[in-house]
Amino acid sequence: MKIGTVSISYSRKFNLGNYESIELGCSLWAQVEEEEDADGVVQFLYHQAKAAVKEAAMPVIKANEFQISKAKSQRKVAADLGDMEDL
């Protein structure tokens, strides 16, 4: 089967607290030549779209107190679970 074009969409919703959220997304398209690996192109596009959403989200997350406290609590839980594995 000949694949001419592939596309990928990636989006993520972030809870900002106080009943507010923001959804960021990215869609990428690429032309695929016959000799190219379509699955490899899809994987590449996925990683590029995910990185673009992460880059766009960082200023919003850093400016939002709710996300900062959520990230800190997740790190603490992960650290506590790591300590329990040593038992």
N, C-alpha and C. Protein backbone atom coordinates (compact mmCIF):
# COMPACT_ATOMS: atom_id res chain seq x y z
N MET A 1 0.84 -1.17 0.00
CA MET A 1 0.00 0.00 0.00
C MET A 1 0.89 1.24 0.00
N LYS A 2 0.61 2.17 -0.87
CA LYS A 2 1.38 3.41 -0.97
C LYS A 2 0.74 4.48 -0.08
N ILE A 3 1.55 5.03 0.82
CA ILE A 3 1.09 6.11 1.68
C ILE A 3 1.73 7.39 1.19
N GLY A 4 0.92 8.40 0.89
CA GLY A 4 1.45 9.65 0.35
C GLY A 4 1.64 10.72 1.41
N THR A 5 0.70 10.80 2.35
CA THR A 5 0.75 11.84 3.38
C THR A 5 0.41 11.22 4.72
N VAL A 6 1.13 11.62 5.76
CA VAL A 6 0.80 11.21 7.12
C VAL A 6 0.59 12.46 7.96
N SER A 7 -0.25 12.33 8.95
CA SER A 7 -0.48 13.46 9.86
C SER A 7 -0.57 12.94 11.28
N ILE A 8 -0.28 13.82 12.21
CA ILE A 8 -0.35 13.48 13.62
C ILE A 8 -0.90 14.70 14.36
N SER A 9 -1.74 14.46 15.33
CA SER A 9 -2.25 15.53 16.19
C SER A 9 -1.99 15.13 17.62
N TYR A 10 -1.54 16.08 18.41
CA TYR A 10 -1.26 15.84 19.82
C TYR A 10 -1.82 17.02 20.59
N SER A 11 -2.59 16.75 21.63
CA SER A 11 -3.11 17.84 22.46
C SER A 11 -3.12 17.39 23.92
N ARG A 12 -3.10 18.37 24.77
CA ARG A 12 -3.09 18.10 26.20
C ARG A 12 -3.83 19.21 26.91
N LYS A 13 -4.63 18.84 27.90
CA LYS A 13 -5.37 19.82 28.68
C LYS A 13 -4.72 19.94 30.06
N PHE A 14 -4.51 21.17 30.50
CA PHE A 14 -3.89 21.44 31.79
C PHE A 14 -4.91 22.12 32.69
N ASN A 15 -5.05 21.61 33.91
CA ASN A 15 -5.94 22.20 34.90
C ASN A 15 -5.21 23.36 35.56
N LEU A 16 -5.79 24.54 35.49
CA LEU A 16 -5.17 25.72 36.08
C LEU A 16 -5.75 26.05 37.45
N GLY A 17 -6.70 25.26 37.92
CA GLY A 17 -7.36 25.53 39.19
C GLY A 17 -8.47 26.54 39.00
N ASN A 18 -9.26 26.75 40.05
CA ASN A 18 -10.37 27.71 40.01
C ASN A 18 -11.27 27.49 38.79
N TYR A 19 -11.51 26.23 38.45
CA TYR A 19 -12.38 25.85 37.32
C TYR A 19 -11.88 26.38 35.98
N GLU A 20 -10.60 26.56 35.87
CA GLU A 20 -10.00 27.01 34.62
C GLU A 20 -9.08 25.93 34.08
N SER A 21 -9.02 25.85 32.77
CA SER A 21 -8.08 24.94 32.13
C SER A 21 -7.66 25.53 30.80
N ILE A 22 -6.58 24.98 30.28
CA ILE A 22 -6.09 25.39 28.97
C ILE A 22 -5.76 24.13 28.20
N GLU A 23 -6.16 24.10 26.94
CA GLU A 23 -5.84 22.96 26.09
C GLU A 23 -4.93 23.45 24.97
N LEU A 24 -3.79 22.80 24.86
CA LEU A 24 -2.81 23.14 23.83
C LEU A 24 -2.66 21.96 22.89
N GLY A 25 -2.53 22.24 21.62
CA GLY A 25 -2.41 21.16 20.66
C GLY A 25 -1.54 21.53 19.48
N CYS A 26 -1.13 20.52 18.76
CA CYS A 26 -0.28 20.71 17.59
C CYS A 26 -0.62 19.61 16.57
N SER A 27 -0.78 20.01 15.32
CA SER A 27 -1.00 19.05 14.23
C SER A 27 0.11 19.22 13.20
N LEU A 28 0.70 18.12 12.80
CA LEU A 28 1.78 18.14 11.82
C LEU A 28 1.46 17.19 10.67
N TRP A 29 1.88 17.56 9.48
CA TRP A 29 1.68 16.76 8.27
C TRP A 29 3.02 16.58 7.57
N ALA A 30 3.16 15.46 6.88
CA ALA A 30 4.39 15.24 6.11
C ALA A 30 4.08 14.40 4.87
N GLN A 31 4.76 14.72 3.79
CA GLN A 31 4.69 13.91 2.58
C GLN A 31 5.67 12.75 2.75
N VAL A 32 5.26 11.56 2.39
CA VAL A 32 6.11 10.38 2.54
C VAL A 32 6.41 9.83 1.14
N GLU A 33 7.68 9.74 0.87
CA GLU A 33 8.12 9.16 -0.41
C GLU A 33 8.01 7.63 -0.31
N GLU A 34 7.98 6.97 -1.44
CA GLU A 34 7.82 5.51 -1.46
C GLU A 34 8.91 4.78 -0.68
N GLU A 35 10.13 5.29 -0.77
CA GLU A 35 11.25 4.59 -0.12
C GLU A 35 11.35 4.91 1.38
N GLU A 36 10.57 5.85 1.88
CA GLU A 36 10.62 6.22 3.30
C GLU A 36 9.75 5.28 4.13
N ASP A 37 10.11 5.17 5.39
CA ASP A 37 9.36 4.37 6.36
C ASP A 37 8.25 5.24 6.96
N ALA A 38 7.00 4.97 6.61
CA ALA A 38 5.87 5.79 7.08
C ALA A 38 5.75 5.73 8.60
N ASP A 39 5.99 4.56 9.21
CA ASP A 39 5.90 4.46 10.66
C ASP A 39 6.96 5.32 11.34
N GLY A 40 8.14 5.36 10.78
CA GLY A 40 9.20 6.21 11.33
C GLY A 40 8.86 7.68 11.23
N VAL A 41 8.22 8.06 10.13
CA VAL A 41 7.80 9.46 9.95
C VAL A 41 6.73 9.81 10.98
N VAL A 42 5.79 8.91 11.22
CA VAL A 42 4.74 9.14 12.21
C VAL A 42 5.35 9.31 13.60
N GLN A 43 6.29 8.44 13.95
CA GLN A 43 6.95 8.55 15.26
C GLN A 43 7.68 9.88 15.40
N PHE A 44 8.37 10.29 14.34
CA PHE A 44 9.08 11.56 14.36
C PHE A 44 8.11 12.72 14.55
N LEU A 45 7.01 12.71 13.80
CA LEU A 45 6.02 13.78 13.92
C LEU A 45 5.40 13.82 15.31
N TYR A 46 5.13 12.64 15.87
CA TYR A 46 4.57 12.57 17.22
C TYR A 46 5.49 13.23 18.23
N HIS A 47 6.76 12.90 18.19
CA HIS A 47 7.72 13.47 19.15
C HIS A 47 7.87 14.98 18.93
N GLN A 48 7.83 15.43 17.69
CA GLN A 48 7.91 16.86 17.40
C GLN A 48 6.68 17.58 17.92
N ALA A 49 5.49 17.03 17.73
CA ALA A 49 4.25 17.65 18.20
C ALA A 49 4.21 17.69 19.72
N LYS A 50 4.63 16.61 20.36
CA LYS A 50 4.64 16.56 21.83
C LYS A 50 5.61 17.60 22.39
N ALA A 51 6.77 17.73 21.78
CA ALA A 51 7.75 18.73 22.23
C ALA A 51 7.22 20.15 22.03
N ALA A 52 6.50 20.39 20.94
CA ALA A 52 5.95 21.72 20.68
C ALA A 52 4.89 22.09 21.72
N VAL A 53 4.04 21.12 22.10
CA VAL A 53 3.02 21.38 23.12
C VAL A 53 3.69 21.62 24.47
N LYS A 54 4.70 20.83 24.78
CA LYS A 54 5.41 21.01 26.06
C LYS A 54 6.06 22.39 26.12
N GLU A 55 6.70 22.80 25.03
CA GLU A 55 7.35 24.11 24.99
C GLU A 55 6.32 25.24 25.15
N ALA A 56 5.17 25.09 24.52
CA ALA A 56 4.14 26.12 24.62
C ALA A 56 3.51 26.15 26.02
N ALA A 57 3.48 25.00 26.70
CA ALA A 57 2.84 24.92 28.01
C ALA A 57 3.73 25.44 29.14
N MET A 58 5.01 25.36 28.99
CA MET A 58 5.92 25.71 30.09
C MET A 58 5.70 27.11 30.66
N PRO A 59 5.58 28.15 29.86
CA PRO A 59 5.35 29.49 30.46
C PRO A 59 4.04 29.56 31.24
N VAL A 60 3.01 28.88 30.76
CA VAL A 60 1.71 28.89 31.43
C VAL A 60 1.80 28.14 32.75
N ILE A 61 2.44 26.99 32.72
CA ILE A 61 2.57 26.18 33.93
C ILE A 61 3.43 26.88 34.98
N LYS A 62 4.52 27.47 34.55
CA LYS A 62 5.40 28.16 35.49
C LYS A 62 4.72 29.36 36.13
N ALA A 63 3.78 29.97 35.44
CA ALA A 63 3.07 31.14 35.96
C ALA A 63 1.85 30.77 36.80
N ASN A 64 1.53 29.48 36.88
CA ASN A 64 0.30 29.05 37.54
C ASN A 64 0.62 28.33 38.84
N GLU A 65 0.16 28.88 39.97
CA GLU A 65 0.42 28.32 41.29
C GLU A 65 -0.12 26.89 41.44
N PHE A 66 -1.30 26.63 40.90
CA PHE A 66 -1.91 25.31 41.03
C PHE A 66 -1.03 24.24 40.40
N GLN A 67 -0.54 24.49 39.20
CA GLN A 67 0.31 23.51 38.52
C GLN A 67 1.63 23.32 39.25
N ILE A 68 2.17 24.38 39.81
CA ILE A 68 3.44 24.29 40.55
C ILE A 68 3.26 23.39 41.77
N SER A 69 2.19 23.61 42.54
CA SER A 69 1.97 22.79 43.73
C SER A 69 1.65 21.35 43.35
N LYS A 70 0.95 21.13 42.24
CA LYS A 70 0.65 19.78 41.77
C LYS A 70 1.93 19.05 41.40
N ALA A 71 2.83 19.71 40.68
CA ALA A 71 4.09 19.09 40.29
C ALA A 71 4.93 18.74 41.51
N LYS A 72 4.96 19.63 42.50
CA LYS A 72 5.72 19.35 43.72
C LYS A 72 5.16 18.15 44.46
N SER A 73 3.83 18.06 44.56
CA SER A 73 3.23 16.93 45.27
C SER A 73 3.47 15.62 44.52
N GLN A 74 3.46 15.65 43.19
CA GLN A 74 3.73 14.44 42.42
C GLN A 74 5.17 13.98 42.61
N ARG A 75 6.10 14.92 42.67
CA ARG A 75 7.50 14.56 42.92
C ARG A 75 7.66 13.94 44.30
N LYS A 76 6.95 14.49 45.30
CA LYS A 76 7.03 13.97 46.66
C LYS A 76 6.48 12.54 46.72
N VAL A 77 5.35 12.29 46.07
CA VAL A 77 4.77 10.95 46.05
C VAL A 77 5.73 9.98 45.37
N ALA A 78 6.33 10.38 44.26
CA ALA A 78 7.27 9.52 43.55
C ALA A 78 8.49 9.22 44.43
N ALA A 79 8.97 10.22 45.15
CA ALA A 79 10.11 10.02 46.05
C ALA A 79 9.74 9.07 47.19
N ASP A 80 8.54 9.25 47.74
CA ASP A 80 8.10 8.37 48.83
C ASP A 80 7.97 6.93 48.35
N LEU A 81 7.45 6.74 47.15
CA LEU A 81 7.34 5.39 46.60
C LEU A 81 8.72 4.78 46.37
N GLY A 82 9.67 5.60 45.98
CA GLY A 82 11.04 5.13 45.79
C GLY A 82 11.64 4.67 47.11
N ASP A 83 11.34 5.41 48.19
CA ASP A 83 11.83 5.03 49.52
C ASP A 83 11.21 3.71 49.98
N MET A 84 9.96 3.48 49.63
CA MET A 84 9.28 2.24 50.03
C MET A 84 9.87 1.03 49.32
N GLU A 85 10.40 1.21 48.10
CA GLU A 85 10.99 0.10 47.38
C GLU A 85 12.27 -0.39 48.05
N ASP A 86 12.91 0.47 48.83
CA ASP A 86 14.15 0.09 49.52
C ASP A 86 13.89 -0.84 50.70
N LEU A 87 12.63 -0.92 51.15
CA LEU A 87 12.32 -1.75 52.33
C LEU A 87 12.46 -3.21 52.04
